[in-house]
Amino acid sequence: MITKQQLGNTLWGMAEILYDKVEDYKTYILSLLFFKRLSDNWAWEIDAKVRQFVADHGKQPNAKQRDRIAAEAHDFAIPEGCFWADVKNASPNEKNEKLDKAVKAIGENNPPLRGIIDAVQWNAPAPDGSGGKRLHPEVLTNLINYLDVVTLDNGNASVDILGDAYEYLIKKFADENKGGKVAGQFYTPGEVVGLMVRTIKPKAGEEVYDPSRVRGFARVVAHPHQRPLKTTRRVSGYSCEAICRTMRKRSDNWTATQYLKNLADTESRGL
């Protein structure tokens, strides 16, 4: 199981590859991490459902049953040709376009993820009019190869890995983006969230009021005990929304109020 320290080292390595290449490291890193997470989890979800079938019935599923399990096993749909391996195996000159088409296709097939997983324009042209790519194919290839060795399915990563990644990146870069102000002004540490949930002990049918709404982890931590949360400010953007939508999709016993995207506000806060 990947530890938070190992995840942090991976994220920092990705940031170093992107250094001086893009302005918003966080969005690029989280978008690629999310894409690999979905791809890695595809086979794991099928295997988990097969194991559950065996536990329930005491035998292996036949071919027809396995096909049905595979068709119903996934939280999100990934079209054929849009998996991590398809992008990784593309030639360097085709990789930007392949990745861009893959995440856009996933967004089109999963309405809750539109504007989230495809937030980065991976195939965007260079702004200098040179005819190249904004993110050079060599840099993207290095980034993909670097992340490729890390397995991100549920067997090796926490279900809150996107939340862990978001917290790490906010903590790492908030000081720089805010001219020396402490990162704690722009995110709530997980330890504080956990303490708050244990203190108020929310019960089923109650609502948890989160006026800052900067991160959705209180929803995840508290969700076995509560119902929808009320919020007051539109402060989200790619990362928090993606995390909360993912966790909401995976939870059958609760409903989370959908985060409203406001990327301009998020960028103005340096998050």
C-alpha atoms as a PDB file:
ATOM      1  CA  MET A   1       0.000   0.000   0.000  1.00  0.00           C
ATOM      2  CA  ILE A   2       1.439   3.340  -1.038  1.00  0.00           C
ATOM      3  CA  THR A   3       2.090   5.601   1.950  1.00  0.00           C
ATOM      4  CA  LYS A   4       1.455   9.331   2.097  1.00  0.00           C
ATOM      5  CA  GLN A   5       5.197   9.893   2.107  1.00  0.00           C
ATOM      6  CA  GLN A   6       5.634   7.800  -1.041  1.00  0.00           C
ATOM      7  CA  LEU A   7       2.723   9.626  -2.672  1.00  0.00           C
ATOM      8  CA  GLY A   8       4.278  12.952  -1.732  1.00  0.00           C
ATOM      9  CA  ASN A   9       7.607  11.917  -3.238  1.00  0.00           C
ATOM     10  CA  THR A  10       5.832  10.925  -6.444  1.00  0.00           C
ATOM     11  CA  LEU A  11       3.941  14.206  -6.651  1.00  0.00           C
ATOM     12  CA  TRP A  12       7.073  16.212  -5.981  1.00  0.00           C
ATOM     13  CA  GLY A  13       8.905  14.309  -8.717  1.00  0.00           C
ATOM     14  CA  MET A  14       6.108  15.142 -11.142  1.00  0.00           C
ATOM     15  CA  ALA A  15       6.289  18.785 -10.113  1.00  0.00           C
ATOM     16  CA  GLU A  16      10.025  18.822 -10.820  1.00  0.00           C
ATOM     17  CA  ILE A  17       9.406  17.444 -14.320  1.00  0.00           C
ATOM     18  CA  LEU A  18       6.869  20.229 -14.911  1.00  0.00           C
ATOM     19  CA  TYR A  19       9.020  22.942 -13.345  1.00  0.00           C
ATOM     20  CA  ASP A  20       9.112  26.051 -15.534  1.00  0.00           C
ATOM     21  CA  LYS A  21       6.987  24.248 -18.166  1.00  0.00           C
ATOM     22  CA  VAL A  22       3.465  25.115 -16.960  1.00  0.00           C
ATOM     23  CA  GLU A  23       2.004  27.634 -14.553  1.00  0.00           C
ATOM     24  CA  ASP A  24      -0.469  25.443 -12.671  1.00  0.00           C
ATOM     25  CA  TYR A  25       1.378  22.309 -11.554  1.00  0.00           C
ATOM     26  CA  LYS A  26      -1.531  21.181  -9.420  1.00  0.00           C
ATOM     27  CA  THR A  27      -4.099  20.874 -12.196  1.00  0.00           C
ATOM     28  CA  TYR A  28      -1.730  19.015 -14.513  1.00  0.00           C
ATOM     29  CA  ILE A  29      -0.609  16.611 -11.796  1.00  0.00           C
ATOM     30  CA  LEU A  30      -4.081  15.885 -10.419  1.00  0.00           C
ATOM     31  CA  SER A  31      -5.580  15.441 -13.880  1.00  0.00           C
ATOM     32  CA  LEU A  32      -2.967  12.855 -14.819  1.00  0.00           C
ATOM     33  CA  LEU A  33      -3.199  11.179 -11.402  1.00  0.00           C
ATOM     34  CA  PHE A  34      -6.983  10.933 -11.736  1.00  0.00           C
ATOM     35  CA  PHE A  35      -6.695   9.415 -15.205  1.00  0.00           C
ATOM     36  CA  LYS A  36      -4.235   6.760 -14.054  1.00  0.00           C
ATOM     37  CA  ARG A  37      -6.318   6.033 -10.967  1.00  0.00           C
ATOM     38  CA  LEU A  38      -9.376   5.294 -13.104  1.00  0.00           C
ATOM     39  CA  SER A  39      -7.381   3.088 -15.477  1.00  0.00           C
ATOM     40  CA  ASP A  40      -5.564   1.165 -12.737  1.00  0.00           C
ATOM     41  CA  ASN A  41      -8.789   0.548 -10.856  1.00  0.00           C
ATOM     42  CA  TRP A  42     -10.562  -0.948 -13.884  1.00  0.00           C
ATOM     43  CA  ALA A  43      -9.083  -4.455 -13.554  1.00  0.00           C
ATOM     44  CA  TRP A  44      -9.112  -4.277  -9.756  1.00  0.00           C
ATOM     45  CA  GLU A  45     -12.856  -3.555  -9.694  1.00  0.00           C
ATOM     46  CA  ILE A  46     -13.564  -6.630 -11.808  1.00  0.00           C
ATOM     47  CA  ASP A  47     -11.316  -8.824  -9.657  1.00  0.00           C
ATOM     48  CA  ALA A  48     -12.999  -7.533  -6.501  1.00  0.00           C
ATOM     49  CA  LYS A  49     -16.461  -8.355  -7.860  1.00  0.00           C
ATOM     50  CA  VAL A  50     -15.284 -11.836  -8.885  1.00  0.00           C
ATOM     51  CA  ARG A  51     -13.896 -12.423  -5.385  1.00  0.00           C
ATOM     52  CA  GLN A  52     -17.217 -11.325  -3.930  1.00  0.00           C
ATOM     53  CA  PHE A  53     -19.070 -13.696  -6.269  1.00  0.00           C
ATOM     54  CA  VAL A  54     -16.875 -16.587  -5.141  1.00  0.00           C
ATOM     55  CA  ALA A  55     -17.429 -15.677  -1.484  1.00  0.00           C
ATOM     56  CA  ASP A  56     -21.198 -15.535  -2.017  1.00  0.00           C
ATOM     57  CA  HIS A  57     -21.601 -18.629  -4.193  1.00  0.00           C
ATOM     58  CA  GLY A  58     -18.609 -20.797  -3.346  1.00  0.00           C
ATOM     59  CA  LYS A  59     -17.566 -21.178  -6.971  1.00  0.00           C
ATOM     60  CA  GLN A  60     -15.987 -19.284  -9.853  1.00  0.00           C
ATOM     61  CA  PRO A  61     -18.355 -17.469 -12.229  1.00  0.00           C
ATOM     62  CA  ASN A  62     -18.842 -18.974 -15.657  1.00  0.00           C
ATOM     63  CA  ALA A  63     -18.058 -16.993 -18.799  1.00  0.00           C
ATOM     64  CA  LYS A  64     -21.516 -15.421 -19.033  1.00  0.00           C
ATOM     65  CA  GLN A  65     -21.507 -14.486 -15.361  1.00  0.00           C
ATOM     66  CA  ARG A  66     -18.001 -13.034 -15.635  1.00  0.00           C
ATOM     67  CA  ASP A  67     -19.078 -10.888 -18.581  1.00  0.00           C
ATOM     68  CA  ARG A  68     -22.007  -9.566 -16.542  1.00  0.00           C
ATOM     69  CA  ILE A  69     -19.729  -8.878 -13.572  1.00  0.00           C
ATOM     70  CA  ALA A  70     -17.286  -6.995 -15.789  1.00  0.00           C
ATOM     71  CA  ALA A  71     -20.092  -4.910 -17.288  1.00  0.00           C
ATOM     72  CA  GLU A  72     -21.426  -3.897 -13.871  1.00  0.00           C
ATOM     73  CA  ALA A  73     -18.205  -3.615 -11.889  1.00  0.00           C
ATOM     74  CA  HIS A  74     -17.148  -0.069 -12.609  1.00  0.00           C
ATOM     75  CA  ASP A  75     -17.896   3.262 -10.997  1.00  0.00           C
ATOM     76  CA  PHE A  76     -16.951   5.107 -14.197  1.00  0.00           C
ATOM     77  CA  ALA A  77     -16.952   4.171 -17.869  1.00  0.00           C
ATOM     78  CA  ILE A  78     -13.714   4.173 -19.866  1.00  0.00           C
ATOM     79  CA  PRO A  79     -14.184   3.886 -23.644  1.00  0.00           C
ATOM     80  CA  GLU A  80     -12.060   1.441 -25.600  1.00  0.00           C
ATOM     81  CA  GLY A  81      -8.701   2.906 -26.517  1.00  0.00           C
ATOM     82  CA  CYS A  82      -8.823   5.460 -23.710  1.00  0.00           C
ATOM     83  CA  PHE A  83      -6.881   3.650 -20.989  1.00  0.00           C
ATOM     84  CA  TRP A  84      -3.565   4.643 -19.465  1.00  0.00           C
ATOM     85  CA  ALA A  85      -1.729   1.948 -21.439  1.00  0.00           C
ATOM     86  CA  ASP A  86      -3.125   3.300 -24.708  1.00  0.00           C
ATOM     87  CA  VAL A  87      -1.629   6.705 -23.980  1.00  0.00           C
ATOM     88  CA  LYS A  88       1.642   5.354 -22.611  1.00  0.00           C
ATOM     89  CA  ASN A  89       2.202   3.169 -25.674  1.00  0.00           C
ATOM     90  CA  ALA A  90       1.518   5.986 -28.142  1.00  0.00           C
ATOM     91  CA  SER A  91       4.531   7.460 -29.906  1.00  0.00           C
ATOM     92  CA  PRO A  92       5.928  10.661 -28.351  1.00  0.00           C
ATOM     93  CA  ASN A  93       4.620  12.772 -31.232  1.00  0.00           C
ATOM     94  CA  GLU A  94       1.111  11.348 -30.776  1.00  0.00           C
ATOM     95  CA  LYS A  95       1.015  11.248 -26.988  1.00  0.00           C
ATOM     96  CA  ASN A  96      -0.421  14.726 -26.396  1.00  0.00           C
ATOM     97  CA  GLU A  97      -3.285  14.170 -28.799  1.00  0.00           C
ATOM     98  CA  LYS A  98      -3.917  10.650 -27.524  1.00  0.00           C
ATOM     99  CA  LEU A  99      -4.107  11.783 -23.902  1.00  0.00           C
ATOM    100  CA  ASP A 100      -6.301  14.761 -24.759  1.00  0.00           C
ATOM    101  CA  LYS A 101      -8.768  12.583 -26.685  1.00  0.00           C
ATOM    102  CA  ALA A 102      -8.784   9.940 -23.942  1.00  0.00           C
ATOM    103  CA  VAL A 103      -9.680  12.268 -21.066  1.00  0.00           C
ATOM    104  CA  LYS A 104     -12.255  14.098 -23.188  1.00  0.00           C
ATOM    105  CA  ALA A 105     -13.890  10.784 -24.125  1.00  0.00           C
ATOM    106  CA  ILE A 106     -14.006   9.772 -20.464  1.00  0.00           C
ATOM    107  CA  GLY A 107     -15.623  13.096 -19.613  1.00  0.00           C
ATOM    108  CA  GLU A 108     -18.190  12.678 -22.376  1.00  0.00           C
ATOM    109  CA  ASN A 109     -19.086   9.177 -21.112  1.00  0.00           C
ATOM    110  CA  ASN A 110     -19.228  10.264 -17.461  1.00  0.00           C
ATOM    111  CA  PRO A 111     -21.238  13.515 -17.095  1.00  0.00           C
ATOM    112  CA  PRO A 112     -20.179  14.079 -13.447  1.00  0.00           C
ATOM    113  CA  LEU A 113     -16.555  14.234 -14.606  1.00  0.00           C
ATOM    114  CA  ARG A 114     -17.009  16.706 -17.464  1.00  0.00           C
ATOM    115  CA  GLY A 115     -14.781  19.682 -16.959  1.00  0.00           C
ATOM    116  CA  ILE A 116     -12.909  17.769 -14.275  1.00  0.00           C
ATOM    117  CA  ILE A 117     -10.816  14.965 -15.694  1.00  0.00           C
ATOM    118  CA  ASP A 118     -10.510  16.890 -18.955  1.00  0.00           C
ATOM    119  CA  ALA A 119      -9.615  20.193 -17.294  1.00  0.00           C
ATOM    120  CA  VAL A 120      -6.173  20.267 -18.926  1.00  0.00           C
ATOM    121  CA  GLN A 121      -5.822  20.884 -22.668  1.00  0.00           C
ATOM    122  CA  TRP A 122      -3.018  18.382 -23.201  1.00  0.00           C
ATOM    123  CA  ASN A 123      -2.835  19.000 -26.944  1.00  0.00           C
ATOM    124  CA  ALA A 124      -2.923  22.795 -26.781  1.00  0.00           C
ATOM    125  CA  PRO A 125      -0.545  24.580 -29.170  1.00  0.00           C
ATOM    126  CA  ALA A 126       2.430  26.543 -27.903  1.00  0.00           C
ATOM    127  CA  PRO A 127       1.467  30.189 -27.312  1.00  0.00           C
ATOM    128  CA  ASP A 128       4.500  31.445 -29.234  1.00  0.00           C
ATOM    129  CA  GLY A 129       3.024  30.319 -32.569  1.00  0.00           C
ATOM    130  CA  SER A 130       5.915  27.948 -33.239  1.00  0.00           C
ATOM    131  CA  GLY A 131       3.575  25.113 -34.186  1.00  0.00           C
ATOM    132  CA  GLY A 132       4.688  22.993 -31.239  1.00  0.00           C
ATOM    133  CA  LYS A 133       2.758  21.945 -28.146  1.00  0.00           C
ATOM    134  CA  ARG A 134       2.264  23.996 -24.999  1.00  0.00           C
ATOM    135  CA  LEU A 135       3.533  20.966 -23.081  1.00  0.00           C
ATOM    136  CA  HIS A 136       6.387  19.484 -25.101  1.00  0.00           C
ATOM    137  CA  PRO A 137       5.835  15.790 -25.995  1.00  0.00           C
ATOM    138  CA  GLU A 138       9.155  14.905 -24.376  1.00  0.00           C
ATOM    139  CA  VAL A 139       8.052  16.448 -21.082  1.00  0.00           C
ATOM    140  CA  LEU A 140       4.702  14.635 -21.226  1.00  0.00           C
ATOM    141  CA  THR A 141       6.460  11.358 -22.021  1.00  0.00           C
ATOM    142  CA  ASN A 142       8.749  11.819 -19.028  1.00  0.00           C
ATOM    143  CA  LEU A 143       5.772  12.632 -16.824  1.00  0.00           C
ATOM    144  CA  ILE A 144       3.833   9.544 -17.913  1.00  0.00           C
ATOM    145  CA  ASN A 145       6.831   7.246 -17.571  1.00  0.00           C
ATOM    146  CA  TYR A 146       7.509   8.615 -14.099  1.00  0.00           C
ATOM    147  CA  LEU A 147       3.949   7.966 -12.881  1.00  0.00           C
ATOM    148  CA  ASP A 148       3.611   4.657 -14.727  1.00  0.00           C
ATOM    149  CA  VAL A 149       5.571   2.700 -12.105  1.00  0.00           C
ATOM    150  CA  VAL A 150       3.104   3.663  -9.340  1.00  0.00           C
ATOM    151  CA  THR A 151       0.036   1.424  -9.017  1.00  0.00           C
ATOM    152  CA  LEU A 152      -3.014   3.450  -7.994  1.00  0.00           C
ATOM    153  CA  ASP A 153      -5.785   0.856  -7.734  1.00  0.00           C
ATOM    154  CA  ASN A 154      -7.654   0.211  -4.480  1.00  0.00           C
ATOM    155  CA  GLY A 155      -5.330  -2.673  -3.708  1.00  0.00           C
ATOM    156  CA  ASN A 156      -2.347  -0.348  -3.459  1.00  0.00           C
ATOM    157  CA  ALA A 157      -3.783   3.107  -2.772  1.00  0.00           C
ATOM    158  CA  SER A 158      -6.193   4.688  -0.335  1.00  0.00           C
ATOM    159  CA  VAL A 159      -9.673   5.461  -1.655  1.00  0.00           C
ATOM    160  CA  ASP A 160      -8.872   9.038  -0.665  1.00  0.00           C
ATOM    161  CA  ILE A 161      -5.649   9.203  -2.676  1.00  0.00           C
ATOM    162  CA  LEU A 162      -6.937  12.191  -4.669  1.00  0.00           C
ATOM    163  CA  GLY A 163      -7.666  13.959  -1.398  1.00  0.00           C
ATOM    164  CA  ASP A 164      -4.224  13.127  -0.066  1.00  0.00           C
ATOM    165  CA  ALA A 165      -2.653  14.404  -3.271  1.00  0.00           C
ATOM    166  CA  TYR A 166      -4.673  17.623  -3.206  1.00  0.00           C
ATOM    167  CA  GLU A 167      -3.728  18.294   0.403  1.00  0.00           C
ATOM    168  CA  TYR A 168      -0.046  17.661  -0.294  1.00  0.00           C
ATOM    169  CA  LEU A 169       0.027  19.987  -3.282  1.00  0.00           C
ATOM    170  CA  ILE A 170      -1.839  22.777  -1.506  1.00  0.00           C
ATOM    171  CA  LYS A 171       0.477  22.500   1.484  1.00  0.00           C
ATOM    172  CA  LYS A 172       3.560  22.422  -0.727  1.00  0.00           C
ATOM    173  CA  PHE A 173       2.768  25.353  -2.961  1.00  0.00           C
ATOM    174  CA  ALA A 174       0.505  27.672  -0.946  1.00  0.00           C
ATOM    175  CA  ASP A 175       3.384  29.534   0.674  1.00  0.00           C
ATOM    176  CA  GLU A 176       4.972  30.269  -2.708  1.00  0.00           C
ATOM    177  CA  ASN A 177       1.707  31.309  -4.337  1.00  0.00           C
ATOM    178  CA  LYS A 178       0.631  33.554  -1.493  1.00  0.00           C
ATOM    179  CA  GLY A 179       3.830  35.488  -0.966  1.00  0.00           C
ATOM    180  CA  GLY A 180       4.871  33.799   2.246  1.00  0.00           C
ATOM    181  CA  LYS A 181       1.497  33.480   3.971  1.00  0.00           C
ATOM    182  CA  VAL A 182       1.025  30.188   5.746  1.00  0.00           C
ATOM    183  CA  ALA A 183      -0.619  27.364   3.837  1.00  0.00           C
ATOM    184  CA  GLY A 184      -3.077  26.794   6.673  1.00  0.00           C
ATOM    185  CA  GLN A 185      -4.996  29.873   5.551  1.00  0.00           C
ATOM    186  CA  PHE A 186      -5.954  28.093   2.335  1.00  0.00           C
ATOM    187  CA  TYR A 187      -6.649  24.491   3.349  1.00  0.00           C
ATOM    188  CA  THR A 188      -7.763  22.586   6.416  1.00  0.00           C
ATOM    189  CA  PRO A 189      -5.336  19.838   7.535  1.00  0.00           C
ATOM    190  CA  GLY A 190      -6.810  16.358   7.657  1.00  0.00           C
ATOM    191  CA  GLU A 191      -6.028  16.077  11.354  1.00  0.00           C
ATOM    192  CA  VAL A 192      -8.190  19.123  12.058  1.00  0.00           C
ATOM    193  CA  VAL A 193     -11.038  17.736   9.932  1.00  0.00           C
ATOM    194  CA  GLY A 194     -10.860  14.421  11.778  1.00  0.00           C
ATOM    195  CA  LEU A 195     -10.915  16.163  15.161  1.00  0.00           C
ATOM    196  CA  MET A 196     -13.920  18.258  14.162  1.00  0.00           C
ATOM    197  CA  VAL A 197     -15.877  15.209  12.988  1.00  0.00           C
ATOM    198  CA  ARG A 198     -15.056  13.250  16.142  1.00  0.00           C
ATOM    199  CA  THR A 199     -16.053  16.234  18.268  1.00  0.00           C
ATOM    200  CA  ILE A 200     -19.423  17.026  16.702  1.00  0.00           C
ATOM    201  CA  LYS A 201     -20.248  13.341  16.011  1.00  0.00           C
ATOM    202  CA  PRO A 202     -22.748  13.961  13.175  1.00  0.00           C
ATOM    203  CA  LYS A 203     -25.680  11.568  13.046  1.00  0.00           C
ATOM    204  CA  ALA A 204     -27.808  10.281  10.186  1.00  0.00           C
ATOM    205  CA  GLY A 205     -30.293  12.923   9.073  1.00  0.00           C
ATOM    206  CA  GLU A 206     -28.182  15.843  10.294  1.00  0.00           C
ATOM    207  CA  GLU A 207     -26.439  18.420   8.127  1.00  0.00           C
ATOM    208  CA  VAL A 208     -22.846  19.550   8.536  1.00  0.00           C
ATOM    209  CA  TYR A 209     -22.349  23.243   7.830  1.00  0.00           C
ATOM    210  CA  ASP A 210     -19.059  23.985   6.060  1.00  0.00           C
ATOM    211  CA  PRO A 211     -18.809  27.739   5.336  1.00  0.00           C
ATOM    212  CA  SER A 212     -15.279  27.626   3.919  1.00  0.00           C
ATOM    213  CA  ARG A 213     -15.956  24.801   1.486  1.00  0.00           C
ATOM    214  CA  VAL A 214     -12.323  24.760   0.406  1.00  0.00           C
ATOM    215  CA  ARG A 215     -12.015  21.012   0.654  1.00  0.00           C
ATOM    216  CA  GLY A 216     -14.480  18.150   0.724  1.00  0.00           C
ATOM    217  CA  PHE A 217     -12.717  15.757   3.049  1.00  0.00           C
ATOM    218  CA  ALA A 218     -15.015  16.469   5.976  1.00  0.00           C
ATOM    219  CA  ARG A 219     -17.738  15.031   3.758  1.00  0.00           C
ATOM    220  CA  VAL A 220     -15.741  11.883   3.201  1.00  0.00           C
ATOM    221  CA  VAL A 221     -14.748  11.437   6.838  1.00  0.00           C
ATOM    222  CA  ALA A 222     -18.215  12.154   8.173  1.00  0.00           C
ATOM    223  CA  HIS A 223     -20.332  10.468   5.492  1.00  0.00           C
ATOM    224  CA  PRO A 224     -21.175   7.220   7.337  1.00  0.00           C
ATOM    225  CA  HIS A 225     -23.076   9.363   9.859  1.00  0.00           C
ATOM    226  CA  GLN A 226     -24.703  12.197   7.969  1.00  0.00           C
ATOM    227  CA  ARG A 227     -26.734  13.453   5.060  1.00  0.00           C
ATOM    228  CA  PRO A 228     -26.135  16.337   2.614  1.00  0.00           C
ATOM    229  CA  LEU A 229     -23.867  19.182   3.667  1.00  0.00           C
ATOM    230  CA  LYS A 230     -24.730  22.844   3.242  1.00  0.00           C
ATOM    231  CA  THR A 231     -22.110  25.284   2.047  1.00  0.00           C
ATOM    232  CA  THR A 232     -22.129  28.989   1.423  1.00  0.00           C
ATOM    233  CA  ARG A 233     -19.200  30.005  -0.798  1.00  0.00           C
ATOM    234  CA  ARG A 234     -18.280  29.021  -4.325  1.00  0.00           C
ATOM    235  CA  VAL A 235     -14.681  27.995  -3.746  1.00  0.00           C
ATOM    236  CA  SER A 236     -13.751  24.818  -5.531  1.00  0.00           C
ATOM    237  CA  GLY A 237     -12.195  24.351  -8.950  1.00  0.00           C
ATOM    238  CA  TYR A 238     -10.799  21.221 -10.509  1.00  0.00           C
ATOM    239  CA  SER A 239      -9.272  19.406  -7.576  1.00  0.00           C
ATOM    240  CA  CYS A 240     -11.798  19.651  -4.787  1.00  0.00           C
ATOM    241  CA  GLU A 241     -14.709  19.039  -7.137  1.00  0.00           C
ATOM    242  CA  ALA A 242     -13.081  16.000  -8.683  1.00  0.00           C
ATOM    243  CA  ILE A 243     -12.328  14.517  -5.290  1.00  0.00           C
ATOM    244  CA  CYS A 244     -15.825  15.064  -3.931  1.00  0.00           C
ATOM    245  CA  ARG A 245     -17.576  13.847  -7.072  1.00  0.00           C
ATOM    246  CA  THR A 246     -15.438  10.710  -7.042  1.00  0.00           C
ATOM    247  CA  MET A 247     -16.140   9.985  -3.403  1.00  0.00           C
ATOM    248  CA  ARG A 248     -19.858  10.739  -3.867  1.00  0.00           C
ATOM    249  CA  LYS A 249     -19.967   8.286  -6.784  1.00  0.00           C
ATOM    250  CA  ARG A 250     -18.433   5.577  -4.581  1.00  0.00           C
ATOM    251  CA  SER A 251     -20.782   6.117  -1.647  1.00  0.00           C
ATOM    252  CA  ASP A 252     -24.211   4.492  -1.630  1.00  0.00           C
ATOM    253  CA  ASN A 253     -25.450   5.680   1.750  1.00  0.00           C
ATOM    254  CA  TRP A 254     -25.039   9.426   1.519  1.00  0.00           C
ATOM    255  CA  THR A 255     -25.515  12.438  -0.707  1.00  0.00           C
ATOM    256  CA  ALA A 256     -22.997  15.263  -1.057  1.00  0.00           C
ATOM    257  CA  THR A 257     -23.997  18.684  -2.294  1.00  0.00           C
ATOM    258  CA  GLN A 258     -22.317  19.163  -5.665  1.00  0.00           C
ATOM    259  CA  TYR A 259     -19.455  21.618  -5.624  1.00  0.00           C
ATOM    260  CA  LEU A 260     -19.992  24.601  -7.943  1.00  0.00           C
ATOM    261  CA  LYS A 261     -17.032  25.209 -10.177  1.00  0.00           C
ATOM    262  CA  ASN A 262     -15.435  28.603  -9.936  1.00  0.00           C
ATOM    263  CA  LEU A 263     -11.977  28.271 -11.413  1.00  0.00           C
ATOM    264  CA  ALA A 264     -11.405  32.004 -11.570  1.00  0.00           C
ATOM    265  CA  ASP A 265     -12.020  32.345  -7.839  1.00  0.00           C
ATOM    266  CA  THR A 266      -9.810  29.368  -7.146  1.00  0.00           C
ATOM    267  CA  GLU A 267      -6.977  30.786  -9.236  1.00  0.00           C
ATOM    268  CA  SER A 268      -7.299  34.148  -7.506  1.00  0.00           C
ATOM    269  CA  ARG A 269      -6.712  32.352  -4.216  1.00  0.00           C
ATOM    270  CA  GLY A 270      -3.617  30.696  -5.633  1.00  0.00           C
ATOM    271  CA  LEU A 271      -4.995  27.183  -5.064  1.00  0.00           C
END
